[in-house]
Amino acid sequence: MVFPGLGHFVVGRWGRGLLLALSLTAMFVLGLVMNGHIFTPIAEVKLSYVYTVLNMGMGLPYFLCLATGFGFTPQDAMQTAEYGNTFLAVTGALNLLAAMDAFDIAIGRKQ
């Protein structure tokens, strides 16, 4: 979960790891290009906690944005902002699923 595809590289699934690394990183960048923003928890908005966890699921790219402050400003007036938000959330969710897949491969539950 540190970087997309890293778990698959560790277990020797180079093709799957490369596919995940390229596609999830591209989705993350596209989400930012479409003016999506990275969520932070807001006490009054309970759904913001879900989006925050999904954004954090991306791993290193999320923390690089956190360190630089890039991508945290909402761009609600932009027409593509909701698509960008969705891309960012789905990217984190897919990276979490990829980490679980790599774990299943590592323990022998899946080939």
Protein backbone atom coordinates (compact mmCIF):
# COMPACT_ATOMS: atom_id res chain seq x y z
CA MET A 1 0.00 0.00 0.00
CA VAL A 2 3.06 2.25 0.04
CA PHE A 3 2.97 2.62 -3.73
CA PRO A 4 0.57 1.02 -6.24
CA GLY A 5 1.82 -2.36 -7.42
CA LEU A 6 4.67 -2.63 -4.92
CA GLY A 7 3.16 -5.65 -3.16
CA HIS A 8 2.90 -7.51 -6.46
CA PHE A 9 6.53 -6.70 -7.26
CA VAL A 10 7.54 -8.14 -3.88
CA VAL A 11 5.71 -11.45 -4.51
CA GLY A 12 7.18 -11.72 -8.01
CA ARG A 13 4.15 -10.72 -10.08
CA TRP A 14 5.99 -8.17 -12.20
CA GLY A 15 3.38 -7.84 -14.94
CA ARG A 16 0.50 -7.28 -12.56
CA GLY A 17 2.60 -4.93 -10.44
CA LEU A 18 3.58 -2.83 -13.44
CA LEU A 19 -0.01 -2.70 -14.67
CA LEU A 20 -1.22 -1.56 -11.25
CA ALA A 21 1.57 0.98 -10.84
CA LEU A 22 0.95 2.59 -14.21
CA SER A 23 -2.84 2.51 -14.22
CA LEU A 24 -3.41 3.64 -10.62
CA THR A 25 -0.82 6.39 -10.85
CA ALA A 26 -2.41 7.56 -14.09
CA MET A 27 -5.85 7.56 -12.45
CA PHE A 28 -4.49 9.60 -9.53
CA VAL A 29 -2.88 12.15 -11.83
CA LEU A 30 -6.01 12.35 -14.00
CA GLY A 31 -8.11 12.94 -10.89
CA LEU A 32 -5.91 15.89 -9.97
CA VAL A 33 -5.89 17.19 -13.56
CA MET A 34 -9.70 17.09 -13.57
CA ASN A 35 -9.58 19.46 -10.59
CA GLY A 36 -10.55 16.84 -8.06
CA HIS A 37 -9.39 17.55 -4.54
CA ILE A 38 -8.04 15.37 -1.80
CA PHE A 39 -10.39 15.27 1.16
CA THR A 40 -9.65 15.99 4.79
CA PRO A 41 -12.04 15.06 7.60
CA ILE A 42 -14.73 17.61 8.44
CA ALA A 43 -16.68 16.91 11.62
CA GLU A 44 -20.03 18.07 10.22
CA VAL A 45 -19.69 16.05 7.01
CA LYS A 46 -19.53 12.35 7.91
CA LEU A 47 -18.95 11.29 4.29
CA SER A 48 -15.69 13.27 4.28
CA TYR A 49 -14.20 10.60 6.56
CA VAL A 50 -14.90 7.90 3.98
CA TYR A 51 -13.37 9.97 1.18
CA THR A 52 -10.34 10.73 3.36
CA VAL A 53 -9.70 7.03 4.00
CA LEU A 54 -10.12 6.25 0.30
CA ASN A 55 -7.70 9.03 -0.65
CA MET A 56 -5.18 7.80 1.93
CA GLY A 57 -5.44 4.34 0.35
CA MET A 58 -3.32 5.58 -2.53
CA GLY A 59 -0.27 5.59 -0.27
CA LEU A 60 2.83 7.55 -1.25
CA PRO A 61 1.19 9.87 -3.83
CA TYR A 62 -1.33 10.94 -1.18
CA PHE A 63 1.39 11.70 1.34
CA LEU A 64 3.43 13.60 -1.26
CA CYS A 65 0.39 15.78 -1.90
CA LEU A 66 -0.09 16.15 1.86
CA ALA A 67 3.52 17.26 2.31
CA THR A 68 3.30 19.81 -0.52
CA GLY A 69 -0.30 20.89 0.08
CA PHE A 70 -1.10 20.20 -3.57
CA GLY A 71 -4.63 19.08 -4.42
CA PHE A 72 -6.36 19.97 -1.15
CA THR A 73 -8.18 23.07 -2.40
CA PRO A 74 -11.75 22.30 -3.54
CA GLN A 75 -12.50 23.43 -7.09
CA ASP A 76 -16.28 23.05 -6.94
CA ALA A 77 -16.91 25.63 -9.68
CA MET A 78 -15.07 23.48 -12.23
CA GLN A 79 -17.28 21.14 -14.24
CA THR A 80 -14.88 18.23 -13.98
CA ALA A 81 -14.31 18.47 -10.21
CA GLU A 82 -16.74 15.69 -9.25
CA TYR A 83 -15.22 13.37 -11.83
CA GLY A 84 -11.79 14.16 -10.41
CA ASN A 85 -13.00 13.47 -6.85
CA THR A 86 -14.39 10.14 -8.00
CA PHE A 87 -11.16 9.21 -9.78
CA LEU A 88 -9.16 9.98 -6.63
CA ALA A 89 -11.48 7.98 -4.35
CA VAL A 90 -11.67 4.98 -6.69
CA THR A 91 -7.89 4.98 -7.10
CA GLY A 92 -7.42 4.65 -3.35
CA ALA A 93 -10.04 1.89 -3.14
CA LEU A 94 -8.43 -0.05 -5.98
CA ASN A 95 -5.01 0.28 -4.35
CA LEU A 96 -6.40 -1.13 -1.10
CA LEU A 97 -7.88 -4.06 -3.06
CA ALA A 98 -4.56 -4.57 -4.85
CA ALA A 99 -2.78 -4.71 -1.47
CA MET A 100 -5.22 -7.39 -0.29
CA ASP A 101 -4.66 -9.31 -3.53
CA ALA A 102 -0.88 -9.20 -3.03
CA PHE A 103 -1.35 -10.43 0.54
CA ASP A 104 -3.50 -13.36 -0.65
CA ILE A 105 -0.81 -14.29 -3.17
CA ALA A 106 1.93 -14.03 -0.52
CA ILE A 107 0.20 -16.37 1.93
CA GLY A 108 -0.69 -18.89 -0.79
CA ARG A 109 -4.45 -18.38 -0.75
CA LYS A 110 -4.34 -17.31 -4.39
CA GLN A 111 -1.98 -18.15 -7.23
